[in-house]
Amino acid sequence: MLIQLDNIYKIYGEGLESEVRALDGVSLTIDRGEFVAIAGASGSGKSTMMNVLGCLDIPTYGTYLLDGQDVGELTDKQLSHIRNKQIGFIFQGYNLIPELSAQENVELPLIYQGIGPGRRAELAHGALERVGLGTRGRHKPSEMSGGQQQRVAIARAIATSPPIIMADEPTGALDSKTGLEVLGFLQQLNREGSTIILITHDNGIAATARRIVRISDGKVLEDHEQEVDWL
């Protein structure tokens, strides 16, 4: 078992009249190699769930075991190490630095991981080739389409082959054709062994995952597996 959430609460303004339970007693397990969509409307708690799963935030109460480690017992430095080494993040807004080329954008997190220049360049170029942008490494984001920018963001996420990929509304800024290409690439990564956690409000996008976890008001309402036609 790769991920285990046991009775997780994330409470903002605890004890106040304005208290918000973004996660309200969530228990969930995710096995290595799964493709899971966490689906819900705006305000349902799905983004908070991603932040907790991705070690970007810690629960108010409850236990989160990631590959057997109790996340609540880790230091900030250890959490940062997990985010750098074990999890690749893909966001709706790409989060690319405009002044940097595609190659440099992919290399940037590798600098923080302490990877040397030669190996950094090799990993970044290899990741760009995997997403079909091997000849576009010198181009800046402004010289690329939205779909190409999202593929740069994917390359950045997969450069060191992290075991977990977390994608937060990765097609939200794309047209439907380009969005399907991105989802198809996530399916390909899953076939190659990556654990994919997809955050979405869109039922059609959630349908591309093998398993759907629906949440509302911070609670899990439904959790089921399904047959999927690969894109």
C-alpha atoms as a PDB file:
ATOM      1  CA  MET A   1       0.000   0.000   0.000  1.00  0.00           C
ATOM      2  CA  LEU A   2       1.448   3.345  -1.081  1.00  0.00           C
ATOM      3  CA  ILE A   3      -0.941   5.832   0.550  1.00  0.00           C
ATOM      4  CA  GLN A   4      -3.127   5.415   3.627  1.00  0.00           C
ATOM      5  CA  LEU A   5      -5.286   8.171   5.099  1.00  0.00           C
ATOM      6  CA  ASP A   6      -6.918   7.294   8.414  1.00  0.00           C
ATOM      7  CA  ASN A   7      -9.645   9.614   9.742  1.00  0.00           C
ATOM      8  CA  ILE A   8      -8.061  12.778   8.304  1.00  0.00           C
ATOM      9  CA  TYR A   9      -9.355  16.220   9.274  1.00  0.00           C
ATOM     10  CA  LYS A  10      -8.197  19.560   7.925  1.00  0.00           C
ATOM     11  CA  ILE A  11      -9.880  22.330   9.890  1.00  0.00           C
ATOM     12  CA  TYR A  12      -9.503  26.057   9.337  1.00  0.00           C
ATOM     13  CA  GLY A  13     -10.472  28.378  12.186  1.00  0.00           C
ATOM     14  CA  GLU A  14     -10.984  25.490  14.580  1.00  0.00           C
ATOM     15  CA  GLY A  15     -13.310  26.364  17.441  1.00  0.00           C
ATOM     16  CA  LEU A  16     -14.495  29.570  15.827  1.00  0.00           C
ATOM     17  CA  GLU A  17     -17.976  30.273  14.538  1.00  0.00           C
ATOM     18  CA  SER A  18     -16.466  30.423  11.056  1.00  0.00           C
ATOM     19  CA  GLU A  19     -14.770  27.005  11.402  1.00  0.00           C
ATOM     20  CA  VAL A  20     -14.380  25.197   8.065  1.00  0.00           C
ATOM     21  CA  ARG A  21     -13.797  21.449   7.864  1.00  0.00           C
ATOM     22  CA  ALA A  22     -12.137  21.203   4.469  1.00  0.00           C
ATOM     23  CA  LEU A  23     -11.539  17.500   5.151  1.00  0.00           C
ATOM     24  CA  ASP A  24     -13.915  15.856   7.577  1.00  0.00           C
ATOM     25  CA  GLY A  25     -12.885  12.373   8.700  1.00  0.00           C
ATOM     26  CA  VAL A  26     -11.477  11.078   5.394  1.00  0.00           C
ATOM     27  CA  SER A  27     -10.134   7.518   5.253  1.00  0.00           C
ATOM     28  CA  LEU A  28      -8.656   6.322   1.985  1.00  0.00           C
ATOM     29  CA  THR A  29      -6.022   3.937   0.630  1.00  0.00           C
ATOM     30  CA  ILE A  30      -4.238   4.065  -2.734  1.00  0.00           C
ATOM     31  CA  ASP A  31      -2.087   1.204  -3.951  1.00  0.00           C
ATOM     32  CA  ARG A  32       1.082   1.585  -5.977  1.00  0.00           C
ATOM     33  CA  GLY A  33       0.338   1.807  -9.699  1.00  0.00           C
ATOM     34  CA  GLU A  34      -3.271   2.998  -9.407  1.00  0.00           C
ATOM     35  CA  PHE A  35      -4.839   5.777 -11.489  1.00  0.00           C
ATOM     36  CA  VAL A  36      -7.271   7.581  -9.167  1.00  0.00           C
ATOM     37  CA  ALA A  37      -9.436  10.603  -9.904  1.00  0.00           C
ATOM     38  CA  ILE A  38     -10.493  12.662  -6.897  1.00  0.00           C
ATOM     39  CA  ALA A  39     -13.594  14.424  -8.132  1.00  0.00           C
ATOM     40  CA  GLY A  40     -15.828  17.068  -6.637  1.00  0.00           C
ATOM     41  CA  ALA A  41     -17.349  20.483  -7.141  1.00  0.00           C
ATOM     42  CA  SER A  42     -15.624  23.720  -6.180  1.00  0.00           C
ATOM     43  CA  GLY A  43     -15.330  23.874  -2.392  1.00  0.00           C
ATOM     44  CA  SER A  44     -15.752  20.113  -1.961  1.00  0.00           C
ATOM     45  CA  GLY A  45     -12.314  19.646  -0.400  1.00  0.00           C
ATOM     46  CA  LYS A  46     -10.557  18.042  -3.375  1.00  0.00           C
ATOM     47  CA  SER A  47      -7.778  20.658  -3.542  1.00  0.00           C
ATOM     48  CA  THR A  48      -7.179  20.344   0.200  1.00  0.00           C
ATOM     49  CA  MET A  49      -7.016  16.588  -0.312  1.00  0.00           C
ATOM     50  CA  MET A  50      -4.315  17.066  -2.954  1.00  0.00           C
ATOM     51  CA  ASN A  51      -2.359  19.411  -0.695  1.00  0.00           C
ATOM     52  CA  VAL A  52      -2.414  16.838   2.096  1.00  0.00           C
ATOM     53  CA  LEU A  53      -1.586  13.902  -0.207  1.00  0.00           C
ATOM     54  CA  GLY A  54       1.213  15.920  -1.803  1.00  0.00           C
ATOM     55  CA  CYS A  55       2.733  16.913   1.563  1.00  0.00           C
ATOM     56  CA  LEU A  56       2.074  20.577   0.751  1.00  0.00           C
ATOM     57  CA  ASP A  57      -0.032  20.785   3.917  1.00  0.00           C
ATOM     58  CA  ILE A  58      -0.436  18.618   6.992  1.00  0.00           C
ATOM     59  CA  PRO A  59      -3.710  17.403   8.517  1.00  0.00           C
ATOM     60  CA  THR A  60      -5.175  18.917  11.672  1.00  0.00           C
ATOM     61  CA  TYR A  61      -5.985  15.425  12.941  1.00  0.00           C
ATOM     62  CA  GLY A  62      -5.590  11.881  11.695  1.00  0.00           C
ATOM     63  CA  THR A  63      -2.783   9.775  10.280  1.00  0.00           C
ATOM     64  CA  TYR A  64      -1.262   9.879   6.803  1.00  0.00           C
ATOM     65  CA  LEU A  65       1.119   7.068   5.935  1.00  0.00           C
ATOM     66  CA  LEU A  66       3.076   7.543   2.706  1.00  0.00           C
ATOM     67  CA  ASP A  67       4.960   4.417   1.719  1.00  0.00           C
ATOM     68  CA  GLY A  68       4.894   3.403   5.374  1.00  0.00           C
ATOM     69  CA  GLN A  69       6.109   6.763   6.733  1.00  0.00           C
ATOM     70  CA  ASP A  70       3.916   8.761   9.107  1.00  0.00           C
ATOM     71  CA  VAL A  71       3.890  12.161   7.387  1.00  0.00           C
ATOM     72  CA  GLY A  72       2.823  13.893  10.608  1.00  0.00           C
ATOM     73  CA  GLU A  73       6.143  12.964  12.238  1.00  0.00           C
ATOM     74  CA  LEU A  74       8.350  14.403   9.483  1.00  0.00           C
ATOM     75  CA  THR A  75      10.249  17.687   9.615  1.00  0.00           C
ATOM     76  CA  ASP A  76       9.786  20.442   7.024  1.00  0.00           C
ATOM     77  CA  LYS A  77      13.069  19.382   5.436  1.00  0.00           C
ATOM     78  CA  GLN A  78      11.928  15.764   5.188  1.00  0.00           C
ATOM     79  CA  LEU A  79       8.583  16.841   3.699  1.00  0.00           C
ATOM     80  CA  SER A  80      10.437  18.962   1.156  1.00  0.00           C
ATOM     81  CA  HIS A  81      12.584  15.946   0.261  1.00  0.00           C
ATOM     82  CA  ILE A  82       9.439  13.862  -0.344  1.00  0.00           C
ATOM     83  CA  ARG A  83       7.957  16.566  -2.579  1.00  0.00           C
ATOM     84  CA  ASN A  84      11.173  16.766  -4.576  1.00  0.00           C
ATOM     85  CA  LYS A  85      11.921  13.058  -4.894  1.00  0.00           C
ATOM     86  CA  GLN A  86       8.680  11.107  -4.664  1.00  0.00           C
ATOM     87  CA  ILE A  87       5.988  13.353  -6.156  1.00  0.00           C
ATOM     88  CA  GLY A  88       5.691  15.138  -9.487  1.00  0.00           C
ATOM     89  CA  PHE A  89       3.139  17.965  -9.580  1.00  0.00           C
ATOM     90  CA  ILE A  90       1.176  19.154 -12.625  1.00  0.00           C
ATOM     91  CA  PHE A  91      -1.054  22.214 -12.199  1.00  0.00           C
ATOM     92  CA  GLN A  92      -3.720  23.884 -14.309  1.00  0.00           C
ATOM     93  CA  GLY A  93      -1.679  27.088 -14.611  1.00  0.00           C
ATOM     94  CA  TYR A  94       1.576  25.433 -15.834  1.00  0.00           C
ATOM     95  CA  ASN A  95       3.655  27.540 -13.356  1.00  0.00           C
ATOM     96  CA  LEU A  96       6.434  28.075 -15.896  1.00  0.00           C
ATOM     97  CA  ILE A  97       8.890  30.956 -15.485  1.00  0.00           C
ATOM     98  CA  PRO A  98       8.474  33.207 -18.556  1.00  0.00           C
ATOM     99  CA  GLU A  99      12.118  34.282 -18.710  1.00  0.00           C
ATOM    100  CA  LEU A 100      13.401  30.707 -18.838  1.00  0.00           C
ATOM    101  CA  SER A 101      13.459  28.326 -21.789  1.00  0.00           C
ATOM    102  CA  ALA A 102      11.582  25.028 -21.710  1.00  0.00           C
ATOM    103  CA  GLN A 103      14.835  23.221 -20.928  1.00  0.00           C
ATOM    104  CA  GLU A 104      15.628  25.631 -18.088  1.00  0.00           C
ATOM    105  CA  ASN A 105      12.109  25.335 -16.657  1.00  0.00           C
ATOM    106  CA  VAL A 106      12.447  21.557 -16.505  1.00  0.00           C
ATOM    107  CA  GLU A 107      15.924  21.804 -15.004  1.00  0.00           C
ATOM    108  CA  LEU A 108      14.971  24.263 -12.255  1.00  0.00           C
ATOM    109  CA  PRO A 109      13.609  21.798  -9.653  1.00  0.00           C
ATOM    110  CA  LEU A 110      16.565  19.522 -10.380  1.00  0.00           C
ATOM    111  CA  ILE A 111      18.869  22.282  -9.147  1.00  0.00           C
ATOM    112  CA  TYR A 112      17.033  22.229  -5.802  1.00  0.00           C
ATOM    113  CA  GLN A 113      17.564  18.471  -5.692  1.00  0.00           C
ATOM    114  CA  GLY A 114      21.327  18.991  -5.933  1.00  0.00           C
ATOM    115  CA  ILE A 115      21.683  17.326  -9.336  1.00  0.00           C
ATOM    116  CA  GLY A 116      24.775  18.466 -11.256  1.00  0.00           C
ATOM    117  CA  PRO A 117      24.590  20.486 -14.502  1.00  0.00           C
ATOM    118  CA  GLY A 118      25.409  17.645 -16.904  1.00  0.00           C
ATOM    119  CA  ARG A 119      22.946  15.186 -15.410  1.00  0.00           C
ATOM    120  CA  ARG A 120      20.319  17.957 -15.097  1.00  0.00           C
ATOM    121  CA  ALA A 121      20.559  18.745 -18.793  1.00  0.00           C
ATOM    122  CA  GLU A 122      20.346  15.052 -19.676  1.00  0.00           C
ATOM    123  CA  LEU A 123      17.265  14.438 -17.526  1.00  0.00           C
ATOM    124  CA  ALA A 124      15.492  17.589 -18.733  1.00  0.00           C
ATOM    125  CA  HIS A 125      16.138  16.858 -22.410  1.00  0.00           C
ATOM    126  CA  GLY A 126      15.002  13.259 -21.966  1.00  0.00           C
ATOM    127  CA  ALA A 127      11.767  14.387 -20.299  1.00  0.00           C
ATOM    128  CA  LEU A 128      11.080  16.923 -23.062  1.00  0.00           C
ATOM    129  CA  GLU A 129      11.628  14.212 -25.659  1.00  0.00           C
ATOM    130  CA  ARG A 130       9.134  11.970 -23.866  1.00  0.00           C
ATOM    131  CA  VAL A 131       6.423  14.618 -24.190  1.00  0.00           C
ATOM    132  CA  GLY A 132       7.262  15.333 -27.822  1.00  0.00           C
ATOM    133  CA  LEU A 133       9.168  18.582 -27.289  1.00  0.00           C
ATOM    134  CA  GLY A 134      12.741  17.419 -27.774  1.00  0.00           C
ATOM    135  CA  THR A 135      13.362  20.089 -30.422  1.00  0.00           C
ATOM    136  CA  ARG A 136      11.721  22.915 -28.455  1.00  0.00           C
ATOM    137  CA  GLY A 137      14.031  23.082 -25.460  1.00  0.00           C
ATOM    138  CA  ARG A 138      15.316  26.566 -26.273  1.00  0.00           C
ATOM    139  CA  HIS A 139      11.858  28.083 -26.700  1.00  0.00           C
ATOM    140  CA  LYS A 140      10.325  30.219 -23.968  1.00  0.00           C
ATOM    141  CA  PRO A 141       6.723  29.733 -22.778  1.00  0.00           C
ATOM    142  CA  SER A 142       5.531  32.757 -24.789  1.00  0.00           C
ATOM    143  CA  GLU A 143       6.688  30.971 -27.944  1.00  0.00           C
ATOM    144  CA  MET A 144       4.560  27.910 -27.204  1.00  0.00           C
ATOM    145  CA  SER A 145       0.893  26.997 -27.315  1.00  0.00           C
ATOM    146  CA  GLY A 146      -1.013  26.209 -24.122  1.00  0.00           C
ATOM    147  CA  GLY A 147      -0.779  22.506 -24.840  1.00  0.00           C
ATOM    148  CA  GLN A 148       2.975  22.732 -25.348  1.00  0.00           C
ATOM    149  CA  GLN A 149       3.369  24.679 -22.106  1.00  0.00           C
ATOM    150  CA  GLN A 150       1.436  22.006 -20.239  1.00  0.00           C
ATOM    151  CA  ARG A 151       3.683  19.357 -21.761  1.00  0.00           C
ATOM    152  CA  VAL A 152       6.709  21.296 -20.493  1.00  0.00           C
ATOM    153  CA  ALA A 153       5.064  21.226 -17.052  1.00  0.00           C
ATOM    154  CA  ILE A 154       4.579  17.462 -17.406  1.00  0.00           C
ATOM    155  CA  ALA A 155       8.216  17.053 -18.438  1.00  0.00           C
ATOM    156  CA  ARG A 156       9.235  18.974 -15.327  1.00  0.00           C
ATOM    157  CA  ALA A 157       7.105  16.664 -13.186  1.00  0.00           C
ATOM    158  CA  ILE A 158       8.472  13.426 -14.652  1.00  0.00           C
ATOM    159  CA  ALA A 159      12.144  14.357 -15.152  1.00  0.00           C
ATOM    160  CA  THR A 160      13.358  12.231 -12.234  1.00  0.00           C
ATOM    161  CA  SER A 161      10.689   9.507 -12.685  1.00  0.00           C
ATOM    162  CA  PRO A 162       8.920  10.075  -9.341  1.00  0.00           C
ATOM    163  CA  PRO A 163       6.644   7.192  -8.334  1.00  0.00           C
ATOM    164  CA  ILE A 164       3.642   9.506  -7.796  1.00  0.00           C
ATOM    165  CA  ILE A 165       2.214  12.081 -10.231  1.00  0.00           C
ATOM    166  CA  MET A 166      -0.384  14.524  -8.875  1.00  0.00           C
ATOM    167  CA  ALA A 167      -2.287  16.455 -11.533  1.00  0.00           C
ATOM    168  CA  ASP A 168      -4.551  19.286 -10.350  1.00  0.00           C
ATOM    169  CA  GLU A 169      -7.081  20.167 -13.088  1.00  0.00           C
ATOM    170  CA  PRO A 170      -4.313  19.634 -15.697  1.00  0.00           C
ATOM    171  CA  THR A 171      -6.634  20.240 -18.667  1.00  0.00           C
ATOM    172  CA  GLY A 172      -8.497  23.232 -17.232  1.00  0.00           C
ATOM    173  CA  ALA A 173      -6.752  25.817 -19.444  1.00  0.00           C
ATOM    174  CA  LEU A 174      -6.711  23.690 -22.607  1.00  0.00           C
ATOM    175  CA  ASP A 175      -9.081  23.048 -25.506  1.00  0.00           C
ATOM    176  CA  SER A 176     -10.767  19.646 -25.526  1.00  0.00           C
ATOM    177  CA  LYS A 177      -8.457  18.050 -28.148  1.00  0.00           C
ATOM    178  CA  THR A 178      -5.282  19.129 -26.363  1.00  0.00           C
ATOM    179  CA  GLY A 179      -6.793  18.160 -23.026  1.00  0.00           C
ATOM    180  CA  LEU A 180      -7.378  14.618 -24.292  1.00  0.00           C
ATOM    181  CA  GLU A 181      -3.739  14.436 -25.389  1.00  0.00           C
ATOM    182  CA  VAL A 182      -2.625  15.385 -21.857  1.00  0.00           C
ATOM    183  CA  LEU A 183      -4.965  12.814 -20.306  1.00  0.00           C
ATOM    184  CA  GLY A 184      -3.689  10.202 -22.737  1.00  0.00           C
ATOM    185  CA  PHE A 185      -0.148  10.923 -21.627  1.00  0.00           C
ATOM    186  CA  LEU A 186      -1.159  10.492 -17.974  1.00  0.00           C
ATOM    187  CA  GLN A 187      -2.651   7.124 -18.900  1.00  0.00           C
ATOM    188  CA  GLN A 188       0.620   6.220 -20.623  1.00  0.00           C
ATOM    189  CA  LEU A 189       2.587   7.122 -17.489  1.00  0.00           C
ATOM    190  CA  ASN A 190       0.242   4.921 -15.489  1.00  0.00           C
ATOM    191  CA  ARG A 191       0.799   2.012 -17.876  1.00  0.00           C
ATOM    192  CA  GLU A 192       4.532   2.486 -17.310  1.00  0.00           C
ATOM    193  CA  GLY A 193       4.047   2.115 -13.546  1.00  0.00           C
ATOM    194  CA  SER A 194       3.450   5.618 -12.184  1.00  0.00           C
ATOM    195  CA  THR A 195       0.750   6.135  -9.573  1.00  0.00           C
ATOM    196  CA  ILE A 196      -1.498   8.907 -10.912  1.00  0.00           C
ATOM    197  CA  ILE A 197      -3.745  11.060  -8.715  1.00  0.00           C
ATOM    198  CA  LEU A 198      -5.937  13.335 -10.821  1.00  0.00           C
ATOM    199  CA  ILE A 199      -7.892  16.185  -9.192  1.00  0.00           C
ATOM    200  CA  THR A 200     -10.893  17.359 -11.207  1.00  0.00           C
ATOM    201  CA  HIS A 201     -14.386  18.836 -11.059  1.00  0.00           C
ATOM    202  CA  ASP A 202     -15.225  17.378 -14.491  1.00  0.00           C
ATOM    203  CA  ASN A 203     -16.961  13.985 -14.611  1.00  0.00           C
ATOM    204  CA  GLY A 204     -15.787  13.399 -18.170  1.00  0.00           C
ATOM    205  CA  ILE A 205     -12.161  13.846 -17.149  1.00  0.00           C
ATOM    206  CA  ALA A 206     -12.647  11.697 -14.044  1.00  0.00           C
ATOM    207  CA  ALA A 207     -13.945   8.941 -16.351  1.00  0.00           C
ATOM    208  CA  THR A 208     -10.428   8.523 -17.803  1.00  0.00           C
ATOM    209  CA  ALA A 209      -9.200   7.136 -14.461  1.00  0.00           C
ATOM    210  CA  ARG A 210      -9.514   3.517 -13.364  1.00  0.00           C
ATOM    211  CA  ARG A 211     -10.930   4.584 -10.002  1.00  0.00           C
ATOM    212  CA  ILE A 212     -13.047   7.566  -8.951  1.00  0.00           C
ATOM    213  CA  VAL A 213     -13.229   8.962  -5.421  1.00  0.00           C
ATOM    214  CA  ARG A 214     -16.003  11.545  -5.155  1.00  0.00           C
ATOM    215  CA  ILE A 215     -15.932  14.014  -2.288  1.00  0.00           C
ATOM    216  CA  SER A 216     -18.329  16.676  -1.041  1.00  0.00           C
ATOM    217  CA  ASP A 217     -18.100  18.926   2.000  1.00  0.00           C
ATOM    218  CA  GLY A 218     -14.819  17.272   2.932  1.00  0.00           C
ATOM    219  CA  LYS A 219     -16.257  13.746   3.030  1.00  0.00           C
ATOM    220  CA  VAL A 220     -15.842  10.768   0.704  1.00  0.00           C
ATOM    221  CA  LEU A 221     -19.236  10.046  -0.853  1.00  0.00           C
ATOM    222  CA  GLU A 222     -18.271   7.376  -3.355  1.00  0.00           C
ATOM    223  CA  ASP A 223     -15.244   5.259  -4.180  1.00  0.00           C
ATOM    224  CA  HIS A 224     -15.423   2.831  -7.075  1.00  0.00           C
ATOM    225  CA  GLU A 225     -13.332   1.253  -9.812  1.00  0.00           C
ATOM    226  CA  GLN A 226     -14.376   1.262 -13.466  1.00  0.00           C
ATOM    227  CA  GLU A 227     -13.443  -0.047 -16.879  1.00  0.00           C
ATOM    228  CA  VAL A 228     -11.585   2.562 -18.908  1.00  0.00           C
ATOM    229  CA  ASP A 229     -11.084   2.974 -22.642  1.00  0.00           C
ATOM    230  CA  TRP A 230      -7.475   4.101 -23.026  1.00  0.00           C
ATOM    231  CA  LEU A 231      -7.074   7.317 -25.019  1.00  0.00           C
END
